[in-house]
C-alpha atoms as a PDB file:
ATOM      1  CA  MET A   1     -38.611 -21.823 -31.536  1.00  0.00           C
ATOM      2  CA  ASN A   2     -39.013 -18.540 -31.154  1.00  0.00           C
ATOM      3  CA  LEU A   3     -38.443 -17.806 -34.924  1.00  0.00           C
ATOM      4  CA  LEU A   4     -37.245 -13.507 -34.387  1.00  0.00           C
ATOM      5  CA  ARG A   5     -34.765 -14.714 -32.081  1.00  0.00           C
ATOM      6  CA  HIS A   6     -33.539 -17.423 -34.132  1.00  0.00           C
ATOM      7  CA  LEU A   7     -33.397 -15.647 -37.245  1.00  0.00           C
ATOM      8  CA  ALA A   8     -31.238 -12.672 -34.764  1.00  0.00           C
ATOM      9  CA  PHE A   9     -28.989 -15.311 -34.325  1.00  0.00           C
ATOM     10  CA  PHE A  10     -28.780 -15.911 -38.183  1.00  0.00           C
ATOM     11  CA  VAL A  11     -27.922 -12.510 -39.302  1.00  0.00           C
ATOM     12  CA  THR A  12     -25.621 -11.243 -36.738  1.00  0.00           C
ATOM     13  CA  VAL A  13     -23.582 -14.898 -37.807  1.00  0.00           C
ATOM     14  CA  ALA A  14     -24.093 -14.268 -41.384  1.00  0.00           C
ATOM     15  CA  GLU A  15     -22.567 -10.168 -40.646  1.00  0.00           C
ATOM     16  CA  GLU A  16     -19.687 -11.425 -38.303  1.00  0.00           C
ATOM     17  CA  ARG A  17     -18.734 -14.492 -39.887  1.00  0.00           C
ATOM     18  CA  HIS A  18     -17.668 -15.955 -36.643  1.00  0.00           C
ATOM     19  CA  PHE A  19     -19.418 -17.761 -34.348  1.00  0.00           C
ATOM     20  CA  GLY A  20     -17.490 -16.453 -31.664  1.00  0.00           C
ATOM     21  CA  ARG A  21     -17.419 -12.544 -32.571  1.00  0.00           C
ATOM     22  CA  ALA A  22     -21.450 -12.829 -33.163  1.00  0.00           C
ATOM     23  CA  ALA A  23     -21.615 -14.425 -29.711  1.00  0.00           C
ATOM     24  CA  LEU A  24     -20.069 -11.299 -28.357  1.00  0.00           C
ATOM     25  CA  ARG A  25     -22.209  -8.875 -30.204  1.00  0.00           C
ATOM     26  CA  LEU A  26     -25.215 -10.955 -28.667  1.00  0.00           C
ATOM     27  CA  ASP A  27     -23.949 -11.253 -25.351  1.00  0.00           C
ATOM     28  CA  MET A  28     -24.373 -14.612 -25.163  1.00  0.00           C
ATOM     29  CA  ALA A  29     -22.039 -17.738 -25.053  1.00  0.00           C
ATOM     30  CA  GLN A  30     -21.231 -19.226 -28.172  1.00  0.00           C
ATOM     31  CA  PRO A  31     -22.248 -23.142 -27.445  1.00  0.00           C
ATOM     32  CA  PRO A  32     -26.186 -21.962 -27.361  1.00  0.00           C
ATOM     33  CA  LEU A  33     -25.658 -19.819 -30.306  1.00  0.00           C
ATOM     34  CA  SER A  34     -24.658 -22.632 -32.581  1.00  0.00           C
ATOM     35  CA  GLN A  35     -27.168 -24.879 -31.422  1.00  0.00           C
ATOM     36  CA  GLY A  36     -29.955 -22.101 -32.249  1.00  0.00           C
ATOM     37  CA  VAL A  37     -28.689 -21.622 -35.837  1.00  0.00           C
ATOM     38  CA  ARG A  38     -28.494 -25.651 -36.281  1.00  0.00           C
ATOM     39  CA  ARG A  39     -32.420 -25.596 -34.487  1.00  0.00           C
ATOM     40  CA  LEU A  40     -32.973 -22.884 -37.365  1.00  0.00           C
ATOM     41  CA  GLU A  41     -31.270 -25.031 -39.969  1.00  0.00           C
ATOM     42  CA  ALA A  42     -33.533 -27.886 -39.224  1.00  0.00           C
ATOM     43  CA  ARG A  43     -36.517 -25.582 -38.727  1.00  0.00           C
ATOM     44  CA  LEU A  44     -36.531 -24.217 -42.518  1.00  0.00           C
ATOM     45  CA  GLY A  45     -34.637 -27.390 -43.964  1.00  0.00           C
ATOM     46  CA  VAL A  46     -31.628 -25.988 -45.574  1.00  0.00           C
ATOM     47  CA  GLY A  47     -28.525 -25.100 -44.577  1.00  0.00           C
ATOM     48  CA  LEU A  48     -27.280 -21.406 -44.352  1.00  0.00           C
ATOM     49  CA  PHE A  49     -23.736 -21.944 -43.510  1.00  0.00           C
ATOM     50  CA  ASP A  50     -20.654 -23.224 -44.593  1.00  0.00           C
ATOM     51  CA  ARG A  51     -18.251 -23.875 -41.425  1.00  0.00           C
ATOM     52  CA  GLY A  52     -15.145 -24.095 -41.820  1.00  0.00           C
ATOM     53  CA  PRO A  53     -12.057 -23.434 -39.403  1.00  0.00           C
ATOM     54  CA  GLY A  54     -11.433 -19.994 -40.061  1.00  0.00           C
ATOM     55  CA  GLY A  55     -15.188 -19.074 -39.366  1.00  0.00           C
ATOM     56  CA  VAL A  56     -18.335 -19.301 -41.903  1.00  0.00           C
ATOM     57  CA  SER A  57     -19.835 -18.557 -44.869  1.00  0.00           C
ATOM     58  CA  LEU A  58     -23.346 -18.645 -46.618  1.00  0.00           C
ATOM     59  CA  THR A  59     -24.332 -21.031 -48.679  1.00  0.00           C
ATOM     60  CA  PRO A  60     -26.248 -19.691 -51.764  1.00  0.00           C
ATOM     61  CA  ALA A  61     -29.433 -20.769 -49.242  1.00  0.00           C
ATOM     62  CA  GLY A  62     -28.021 -17.932 -46.997  1.00  0.00           C
ATOM     63  CA  ARG A  63     -27.315 -15.183 -49.360  1.00  0.00           C
ATOM     64  CA  ASP A  64     -30.845 -15.918 -50.828  1.00  0.00           C
ATOM     65  CA  LEU A  65     -32.450 -15.541 -46.830  1.00  0.00           C
ATOM     66  CA  LEU A  66     -30.416 -13.147 -45.856  1.00  0.00           C
ATOM     67  CA  PRO A  67     -32.046 -10.235 -46.581  1.00  0.00           C
ATOM     68  CA  ARG A  68     -35.029 -11.506 -46.334  1.00  0.00           C
ATOM     69  CA  ALA A  69     -34.641 -12.069 -42.338  1.00  0.00           C
ATOM     70  CA  ARG A  70     -33.358  -8.358 -41.965  1.00  0.00           C
ATOM     71  CA  ALA A  71     -36.757  -7.872 -43.305  1.00  0.00           C
ATOM     72  CA  LEU A  72     -38.480  -9.504 -41.260  1.00  0.00           C
ATOM     73  CA  LEU A  73     -36.782  -8.136 -37.758  1.00  0.00           C
ATOM     74  CA  GLU A  74     -36.921  -4.385 -39.359  1.00  0.00           C
ATOM     75  CA  ASP A  75     -40.536  -5.285 -39.879  1.00  0.00           C
ATOM     76  CA  ALA A  76     -40.736  -6.886 -36.154  1.00  0.00           C
ATOM     77  CA  ASP A  77     -39.072  -3.624 -34.874  1.00  0.00           C
ATOM     78  CA  ALA A  78     -41.604  -1.454 -36.719  1.00  0.00           C
ATOM     79  CA  PHE A  79     -44.721  -2.939 -35.570  1.00  0.00           C
ATOM     80  CA  ASP A  80     -43.152  -2.833 -32.045  1.00  0.00           C
ATOM     81  CA  ARG A  81     -42.327   0.901 -32.285  1.00  0.00           C
ATOM     82  CA  ALA A  82     -46.076   1.550 -33.626  1.00  0.00           C
ATOM     83  CA  ALA A  83     -47.876  -0.139 -30.456  1.00  0.00           C
ATOM     84  CA  HIS A  84     -45.934   1.451 -27.660  1.00  0.00           C
ATOM     85  CA  ARG A  85     -46.508   4.460 -29.577  1.00  0.00           C
ATOM     86  CA  HIS A  86     -50.594   3.424 -29.634  1.00  0.00           C
ATOM     87  CA  ALA A  87     -50.200   2.472 -25.893  1.00  0.00           C
ATOM     88  CA  GLU A  88     -48.700   5.605 -24.849  1.00  0.00           C
ATOM     89  CA  ALA A  89     -51.635   7.094 -26.909  1.00  0.00           C
ATOM     90  CA  ALA A  90     -53.792   5.615 -24.968  1.00  0.00           C
ATOM     91  CA  GLN A  91     -52.598   6.920 -21.796  1.00  0.00           C
ATOM     92  CA  VAL A  92     -52.700  10.770 -23.170  1.00  0.00           C
ATOM     93  CA  LEU A  93     -55.459  13.146 -24.019  1.00  0.00           C
ATOM     94  CA  ARG A  94     -54.609  15.156 -27.253  1.00  0.00           C
ATOM     95  CA  VAL A  95     -56.424  18.124 -27.027  1.00  0.00           C
ATOM     96  CA  GLY A  96     -55.904  21.095 -29.787  1.00  0.00           C
ATOM     97  CA  VAL A  97     -56.700  25.019 -28.452  1.00  0.00           C
ATOM     98  CA  VAL A  98     -57.201  27.784 -31.348  1.00  0.00           C
ATOM     99  CA  PRO A  99     -54.251  30.794 -30.719  1.00  0.00           C
ATOM    100  CA  GLU A 100     -56.998  33.347 -30.240  1.00  0.00           C
ATOM    101  CA  LEU A 101     -57.939  32.252 -26.646  1.00  0.00           C
ATOM    102  CA  GLY A 102     -54.188  32.924 -25.360  1.00  0.00           C
ATOM    103  CA  PRO A 103     -51.189  30.484 -23.975  1.00  0.00           C
ATOM    104  CA  ARG A 104     -52.929  30.601 -20.061  1.00  0.00           C
ATOM    105  CA  SER A 105     -56.358  29.974 -21.314  1.00  0.00           C
ATOM    106  CA  CYS A 106     -55.319  27.128 -23.971  1.00  0.00           C
ATOM    107  CA  ALA A 107     -53.318  25.381 -20.807  1.00  0.00           C
ATOM    108  CA  GLY A 108     -56.124  25.440 -18.523  1.00  0.00           C
ATOM    109  CA  LEU A 109     -58.854  24.094 -21.005  1.00  0.00           C
ATOM    110  CA  ALA A 110     -55.946  21.301 -21.399  1.00  0.00           C
ATOM    111  CA  ALA A 111     -55.608  20.649 -17.960  1.00  0.00           C
ATOM    112  CA  ARG A 112     -59.118  20.737 -17.449  1.00  0.00           C
ATOM    113  CA  ALA A 113     -59.786  18.452 -20.040  1.00  0.00           C
ATOM    114  CA  GLY A 114     -57.139  16.160 -19.176  1.00  0.00           C
ATOM    115  CA  ALA A 115     -58.463  16.072 -15.092  1.00  0.00           C
ATOM    116  CA  ALA A 116     -62.281  15.118 -16.727  1.00  0.00           C
ATOM    117  CA  ALA A 117     -59.981  11.887 -18.894  1.00  0.00           C
ATOM    118  CA  GLY A 118     -57.594  11.183 -16.157  1.00  0.00           C
ATOM    119  CA  ARG A 119     -54.867  10.945 -18.577  1.00  0.00           C
ATOM    120  CA  ARG A 120     -52.327  13.433 -18.757  1.00  0.00           C
ATOM    121  CA  ALA A 121     -53.022  15.965 -21.503  1.00  0.00           C
ATOM    122  CA  ALA A 122     -51.131  16.861 -24.562  1.00  0.00           C
ATOM    123  CA  LEU A 123     -51.772  20.470 -26.540  1.00  0.00           C
ATOM    124  CA  THR A 124     -51.857  21.607 -29.582  1.00  0.00           C
ATOM    125  CA  VAL A 125     -52.354  25.159 -30.633  1.00  0.00           C
ATOM    126  CA  GLY A 126     -53.074  25.470 -34.120  1.00  0.00           C
ATOM    127  CA  THR A 127     -55.273  26.799 -36.730  1.00  0.00           C
ATOM    128  CA  THR A 128     -59.662  26.375 -37.081  1.00  0.00           C
ATOM    129  CA  VAL A 129     -58.991  24.357 -39.989  1.00  0.00           C
ATOM    130  CA  THR A 130     -56.306  22.387 -38.818  1.00  0.00           C
ATOM    131  CA  LEU A 131     -57.697  21.205 -35.502  1.00  0.00           C
ATOM    132  CA  VAL A 132     -60.828  19.756 -37.181  1.00  0.00           C
ATOM    133  CA  ASP A 133     -58.842  18.147 -39.360  1.00  0.00           C
ATOM    134  CA  ALA A 134     -56.769  16.265 -36.524  1.00  0.00           C
ATOM    135  CA  VAL A 135     -60.048  15.248 -34.788  1.00  0.00           C
ATOM    136  CA  SER A 136     -61.621  14.085 -37.683  1.00  0.00           C
ATOM    137  CA  ALA A 137     -58.212  11.833 -38.449  1.00  0.00           C
ATOM    138  CA  GLY A 138     -58.356  10.712 -35.015  1.00  0.00           C
ATOM    139  CA  THR A 139     -54.959  12.777 -34.113  1.00  0.00           C
ATOM    140  CA  LEU A 140     -56.402  14.988 -31.605  1.00  0.00           C
ATOM    141  CA  ASP A 141     -59.530  13.584 -29.265  1.00  0.00           C
ATOM    142  CA  ALA A 142     -60.652  16.839 -28.894  1.00  0.00           C
ATOM    143  CA  ALA A 143     -60.109  20.727 -29.737  1.00  0.00           C
ATOM    144  CA  VAL A 144     -61.631  24.022 -29.262  1.00  0.00           C
ATOM    145  CA  VAL A 145     -62.162  25.672 -32.773  1.00  0.00           C
ATOM    146  CA  ALA A 146     -63.144  28.840 -34.413  1.00  0.00           C
ATOM    147  CA  HIS A 147     -67.584  28.996 -34.866  1.00  0.00           C
ATOM    148  CA  PRO A 148     -68.524  28.398 -37.432  1.00  0.00           C
ATOM    149  CA  ALA A 149     -66.655  26.069 -39.498  1.00  0.00           C
ATOM    150  CA  VAL A 150     -66.509  22.975 -41.842  1.00  0.00           C
ATOM    151  CA  LEU A 151     -66.432  20.354 -39.463  1.00  0.00           C
ATOM    152  CA  GLY A 152     -65.931  16.891 -41.486  1.00  0.00           C
ATOM    153  CA  SER A 153     -66.962  14.257 -39.646  1.00  0.00           C
ATOM    154  CA  ALA A 154     -66.182  15.691 -36.435  1.00  0.00           C
ATOM    155  CA  ARG A 155     -68.493  15.723 -33.796  1.00  0.00           C
ATOM    156  CA  ALA A 156     -70.081  19.157 -32.265  1.00  0.00           C
ATOM    157  CA  GLY A 157     -70.964  20.994 -29.259  1.00  0.00           C
ATOM    158  CA  PRO A 158     -72.886  24.112 -28.484  1.00  0.00           C
ATOM    159  CA  VAL A 159     -71.251  27.285 -29.576  1.00  0.00           C
ATOM    160  CA  VAL A 160     -69.585  29.284 -26.744  1.00  0.00           C
ATOM    161  CA  ALA A 161     -69.201  33.173 -26.953  1.00  0.00           C
ATOM    162  CA  LEU A 162     -66.280  34.175 -25.551  1.00  0.00           C
ATOM    163  CA  PRO A 163     -66.507  38.173 -25.040  1.00  0.00           C
ATOM    164  CA  THR A 164     -63.904  40.862 -26.433  1.00  0.00           C
ATOM    165  CA  GLU A 165     -62.166  43.731 -26.136  1.00  0.00           C
ATOM    166  CA  ILE A 166     -60.504  46.627 -28.228  1.00  0.00           C
ATOM    167  CA  LEU A 167     -57.068  46.277 -28.771  1.00  0.00           C
ATOM    168  CA  LEU A 168     -56.105  50.085 -30.588  1.00  0.00           C
ATOM    169  CA  PRO A 169     -52.866  51.747 -30.779  1.00  0.00           C
ATOM    170  CA  ASP A 170     -52.373  53.897 -27.933  1.00  0.00           C
ATOM    171  CA  GLU A 171     -51.381  56.883 -30.315  1.00  0.00           C
ATOM    172  CA  HIS A 172     -54.748  56.354 -31.979  1.00  0.00           C
ATOM    173  CA  PRO A 173     -57.423  59.411 -31.465  1.00  0.00           C
ATOM    174  CA  ALA A 174     -60.091  56.943 -29.979  1.00  0.00           C
ATOM    175  CA  ALA A 175     -57.896  55.757 -26.839  1.00  0.00           C
ATOM    176  CA  ALA A 176     -57.726  59.206 -25.474  1.00  0.00           C
ATOM    177  CA  TRP A 177     -61.582  58.061 -23.835  1.00  0.00           C
ATOM    178  CA  MET A 178     -61.373  55.497 -21.271  1.00  0.00           C
ATOM    179  CA  GLY A 179     -64.339  54.325 -21.427  1.00  0.00           C
ATOM    180  CA  PRO A 180     -65.709  51.869 -24.069  1.00  0.00           C
ATOM    181  CA  VAL A 181     -64.758  52.995 -27.882  1.00  0.00           C
ATOM    182  CA  ALA A 182     -66.985  52.605 -30.804  1.00  0.00           C
ATOM    183  CA  LEU A 183     -66.239  50.911 -33.229  1.00  0.00           C
ATOM    184  CA  ARG A 184     -67.080  53.645 -35.864  1.00  0.00           C
ATOM    185  CA  ALA A 185     -64.746  55.819 -33.925  1.00  0.00           C
ATOM    186  CA  LEU A 186     -61.259  52.854 -35.201  1.00  0.00           C
ATOM    187  CA  ARG A 187     -60.573  55.075 -38.613  1.00  0.00           C
ATOM    188  CA  GLY A 188     -58.086  54.761 -40.502  1.00  0.00           C
ATOM    189  CA  LEU A 189     -57.345  51.227 -38.791  1.00  0.00           C
ATOM    190  CA  GLU A 190     -57.372  47.850 -41.106  1.00  0.00           C
ATOM    191  CA  VAL A 191     -58.571  45.085 -38.340  1.00  0.00           C
ATOM    192  CA  ALA A 192     -55.904  42.632 -37.389  1.00  0.00           C
ATOM    193  CA  THR A 193     -57.353  38.898 -37.708  1.00  0.00           C
ATOM    194  CA  ALA A 194     -56.335  35.467 -38.459  1.00  0.00           C
ATOM    195  CA  PRO A 195     -55.698  34.876 -42.047  1.00  0.00           C
ATOM    196  CA  ARG A 196     -58.628  33.460 -44.033  1.00  0.00           C
ATOM    197  CA  ALA A 197     -57.502  30.046 -44.355  1.00  0.00           C
ATOM    198  CA  HIS A 198     -56.912  29.781 -40.933  1.00  0.00           C
ATOM    199  CA  ALA A 199     -60.776  29.673 -40.533  1.00  0.00           C
ATOM    200  CA  PRO A 200     -62.861  30.988 -43.632  1.00  0.00           C
ATOM    201  CA  ALA A 201     -65.958  31.009 -43.026  1.00  0.00           C
ATOM    202  CA  ALA A 202     -65.421  33.027 -39.116  1.00  0.00           C
ATOM    203  CA  HIS A 203     -63.428  35.060 -40.587  1.00  0.00           C
ATOM    204  CA  ASP A 204     -65.907  36.499 -43.154  1.00  0.00           C
ATOM    205  CA  LEU A 205     -68.059  36.350 -40.437  1.00  0.00           C
ATOM    206  CA  LEU A 206     -65.976  39.101 -38.600  1.00  0.00           C
ATOM    207  CA  LEU A 207     -65.733  41.293 -42.033  1.00  0.00           C
ATOM    208  CA  ASP A 208     -70.054  41.287 -41.850  1.00  0.00           C
ATOM    209  CA  SER A 209     -70.919  41.724 -37.923  1.00  0.00           C
ATOM    210  CA  LEU A 210     -68.161  44.574 -38.463  1.00  0.00           C
ATOM    211  CA  GLU A 211     -69.781  45.932 -41.358  1.00  0.00           C
ATOM    212  CA  THR A 212     -73.404  45.476 -39.723  1.00  0.00           C
ATOM    213  CA  ARG A 213     -72.119  47.734 -36.933  1.00  0.00           C
ATOM    214  CA  GLY A 214     -71.208  50.515 -39.550  1.00  0.00           C
ATOM    215  CA  ARG A 215     -67.466  50.005 -39.234  1.00  0.00           C
ATOM    216  CA  PRO A 216     -66.184  48.391 -42.349  1.00  0.00           C
ATOM    217  CA  ALA A 217     -62.961  47.383 -42.565  1.00  0.00           C
ATOM    218  CA  ARG A 218     -59.690  45.986 -44.532  1.00  0.00           C
ATOM    219  CA  ALA A 219     -58.477  42.837 -42.663  1.00  0.00           C
ATOM    220  CA  ALA A 220     -54.423  42.802 -41.934  1.00  0.00           C
ATOM    221  CA  ALA A 221     -53.655  39.010 -41.912  1.00  0.00           C
ATOM    222  CA  ALA A 222     -52.039  37.634 -38.717  1.00  0.00           C
ATOM    223  CA  ALA A 223     -50.847  34.222 -38.225  1.00  0.00           C
ATOM    224  CA  THR A 224     -50.434  34.232 -34.689  1.00  0.00           C
ATOM    225  CA  PRO A 225     -51.876  36.862 -31.376  1.00  0.00           C
ATOM    226  CA  ALA A 226     -47.956  38.109 -31.502  1.00  0.00           C
ATOM    227  CA  GLU A 227     -47.856  39.230 -35.015  1.00  0.00           C
ATOM    228  CA  ALA A 228     -51.627  40.715 -34.305  1.00  0.00           C
ATOM    229  CA  LEU A 229     -50.496  42.544 -31.194  1.00  0.00           C
ATOM    230  CA  ALA A 230     -47.547  43.631 -33.494  1.00  0.00           C
ATOM    231  CA  LEU A 231     -50.141  45.355 -36.175  1.00  0.00           C
ATOM    232  CA  VAL A 232     -51.657  47.289 -33.227  1.00  0.00           C
ATOM    233  CA  ALA A 233     -48.746  48.685 -31.715  1.00  0.00           C
ATOM    234  CA  THR A 234     -47.133  49.855 -35.194  1.00  0.00           C
ATOM    235  CA  GLY A 235     -50.365  51.813 -35.746  1.00  0.00           C
ATOM    236  CA  VAL A 236     -51.566  49.434 -38.789  1.00  0.00           C
ATOM    237  CA  ALA A 237     -54.579  47.964 -37.270  1.00  0.00           C
ATOM    238  CA  PHE A 238     -56.931  47.229 -33.768  1.00  0.00           C
ATOM    239  CA  LEU A 239     -57.963  43.752 -32.921  1.00  0.00           C
ATOM    240  CA  LEU A 240     -60.661  42.135 -30.818  1.00  0.00           C
ATOM    241  CA  THR A 241     -59.120  39.602 -28.538  1.00  0.00           C
ATOM    242  CA  PRO A 242     -60.986  37.633 -26.249  1.00  0.00           C
ATOM    243  CA  ASP A 243     -57.797  37.099 -24.761  1.00  0.00           C
ATOM    244  CA  PRO A 244     -57.713  39.185 -21.472  1.00  0.00           C
ATOM    245  CA  GLU A 245     -54.178  38.649 -21.204  1.00  0.00           C
ATOM    246  CA  LEU A 246     -52.717  39.982 -25.028  1.00  0.00           C
ATOM    247  CA  ALA A 247     -50.940  43.474 -24.341  1.00  0.00           C
ATOM    248  CA  ALA A 248     -48.277  45.180 -25.071  1.00  0.00           C
ATOM    249  CA  ASP A 249     -46.363  48.866 -24.953  1.00  0.00           C
ATOM    250  CA  GLY A 250     -47.732  51.090 -26.825  1.00  0.00           C
ATOM    251  CA  VAL A 251     -51.137  49.704 -27.189  1.00  0.00           C
ATOM    252  CA  ALA A 252     -54.435  50.543 -25.472  1.00  0.00           C
ATOM    253  CA  ARG A 253     -57.447  48.380 -24.366  1.00  0.00           C
ATOM    254  CA  ARG A 254     -60.735  49.409 -24.096  1.00  0.00           C
ATOM    255  CA  ALA A 255     -64.851  47.785 -24.116  1.00  0.00           C
ATOM    256  CA  ALA A 256     -66.340  47.443 -27.394  1.00  0.00           C
ATOM    257  CA  ALA A 257     -69.336  50.584 -26.990  1.00  0.00           C
ATOM    258  CA  GLY A 258     -72.867  48.906 -28.300  1.00  0.00           C
ATOM    259  CA  GLU A 259     -73.557  45.425 -29.536  1.00  0.00           C
ATOM    260  CA  PRO A 260     -70.419  43.094 -28.621  1.00  0.00           C
ATOM    261  CA  VAL A 261     -68.632  41.537 -31.533  1.00  0.00           C
ATOM    262  CA  PRO A 262     -68.058  37.845 -29.785  1.00  0.00           C
ATOM    263  CA  PHE A 263     -65.299  35.647 -30.395  1.00  0.00           C
ATOM    264  CA  ARG A 264     -67.370  32.043 -31.364  1.00  0.00           C
ATOM    265  CA  VAL A 265     -66.401  29.049 -30.121  1.00  0.00           C
ATOM    266  CA  ARG A 266     -67.326  25.204 -30.197  1.00  0.00           C
ATOM    267  CA  VAL A 267     -65.635  22.093 -28.857  1.00  0.00           C
ATOM    268  CA  VAL A 268     -64.976  19.091 -32.315  1.00  0.00           C
ATOM    269  CA  HIS A 269     -64.581  15.493 -30.951  1.00  0.00           C
ATOM    270  CA  ARG A 270     -64.370  12.126 -31.726  1.00  0.00           C
ATOM    271  CA  ASP A 271     -67.596   9.694 -31.148  1.00  0.00           C
ATOM    272  CA  ASP A 272     -64.944   7.629 -28.891  1.00  0.00           C
ATOM    273  CA  THR A 273     -63.686  10.800 -26.608  1.00  0.00           C
ATOM    274  CA  PRO A 274     -63.722  10.105 -23.365  1.00  0.00           C
ATOM    275  CA  ASP A 275     -66.799  10.994 -21.403  1.00  0.00           C
ATOM    276  CA  GLY A 276     -66.634  14.103 -19.352  1.00  0.00           C
ATOM    277  CA  VAL A 277     -63.931  15.682 -22.012  1.00  0.00           C
ATOM    278  CA  VAL A 278     -66.858  17.290 -23.831  1.00  0.00           C
ATOM    279  CA  GLU A 279     -68.495  18.717 -20.699  1.00  0.00           C
ATOM    280  CA  ALA A 280     -64.872  20.214 -18.873  1.00  0.00           C
ATOM    281  CA  LEU A 281     -64.519  22.461 -21.710  1.00  0.00           C
ATOM    282  CA  VAL A 282     -67.504  23.376 -22.255  1.00  0.00           C
ATOM    283  CA  THR A 283     -68.051  24.411 -18.685  1.00  0.00           C
ATOM    284  CA  VAL A 284     -64.665  26.073 -18.630  1.00  0.00           C
ATOM    285  CA  LEU A 285     -65.495  28.226 -21.667  1.00  0.00           C
ATOM    286  CA  ARG A 286     -68.984  28.704 -20.645  1.00  0.00           C
ATOM    287  CA  GLY A 287     -67.213  30.284 -17.117  1.00  0.00           C
ATOM    288  CA  ALA A 288     -65.364  32.253 -19.687  1.00  0.00           C
ATOM    289  CA  GLY A 289     -68.243  34.002 -20.915  1.00  0.00           C
ATOM    290  CA  ASP A 290     -70.059  34.676 -18.085  1.00  0.00           C
ATOM    291  CA  ALA A 291     -67.335  35.976 -16.615  1.00  0.00           C
ATOM    292  CA  GLY A 292     -66.457  38.383 -19.621  1.00  0.00           C
END
């Protein structure tokens, strides 16, 4: 016998206190329902109901077993839902990308990875720390994160250096020059960058690189590229961005003179990431680097 189905009969009759109403609720005829409850009682070796002309009432055994039956049915439903989630996840490639790359690049990376895996791609945009943790925990298949970073149990692909350009307030004196701008010329401006907690090692590397190039700068924390752009537009900071489409009124874009300050990224992934996904992501990133 189908134990779960017959337990559902038991619970429904117990709640309705009447076989006829229970049969209507279950969308079935009353005789098969009555027979099913009797089969369950025979299987358990105990009566569950006292039957009378006005309906039914639970026996002491029925009262004791009712919450257990409900718990079994709820567990079965939870099991079924979890199995469906796993089945759906097996059809979706879960990809993460840091927001600094910009919406167009993030979407393109996810689409290329999904095509390589032959699956629909679901995109998560998040911080380097969050994405690495998600890959390590198995909730993401692969992610493009800032380098360097502590990788935990995640595996990593090669480092790709993406070119950056300077965004600066268009009223800053350095913006008057249409050619490449030296970092030393960005006097009076902080550097807009993600909070250190988002990618500690990459954050420190950026500040060290600026100091090495003769432009020590105080970091102005911006949780998103939009926040960083606002700091630039309001005259507070400059930004080194790998996103060629990031722009706003009051903001000038200039190439950086001298030795470049790239935005370094790498693909982190799981051991069971589908074949071709990492290679596809690295190919797209290298293409962006070569184009720059």
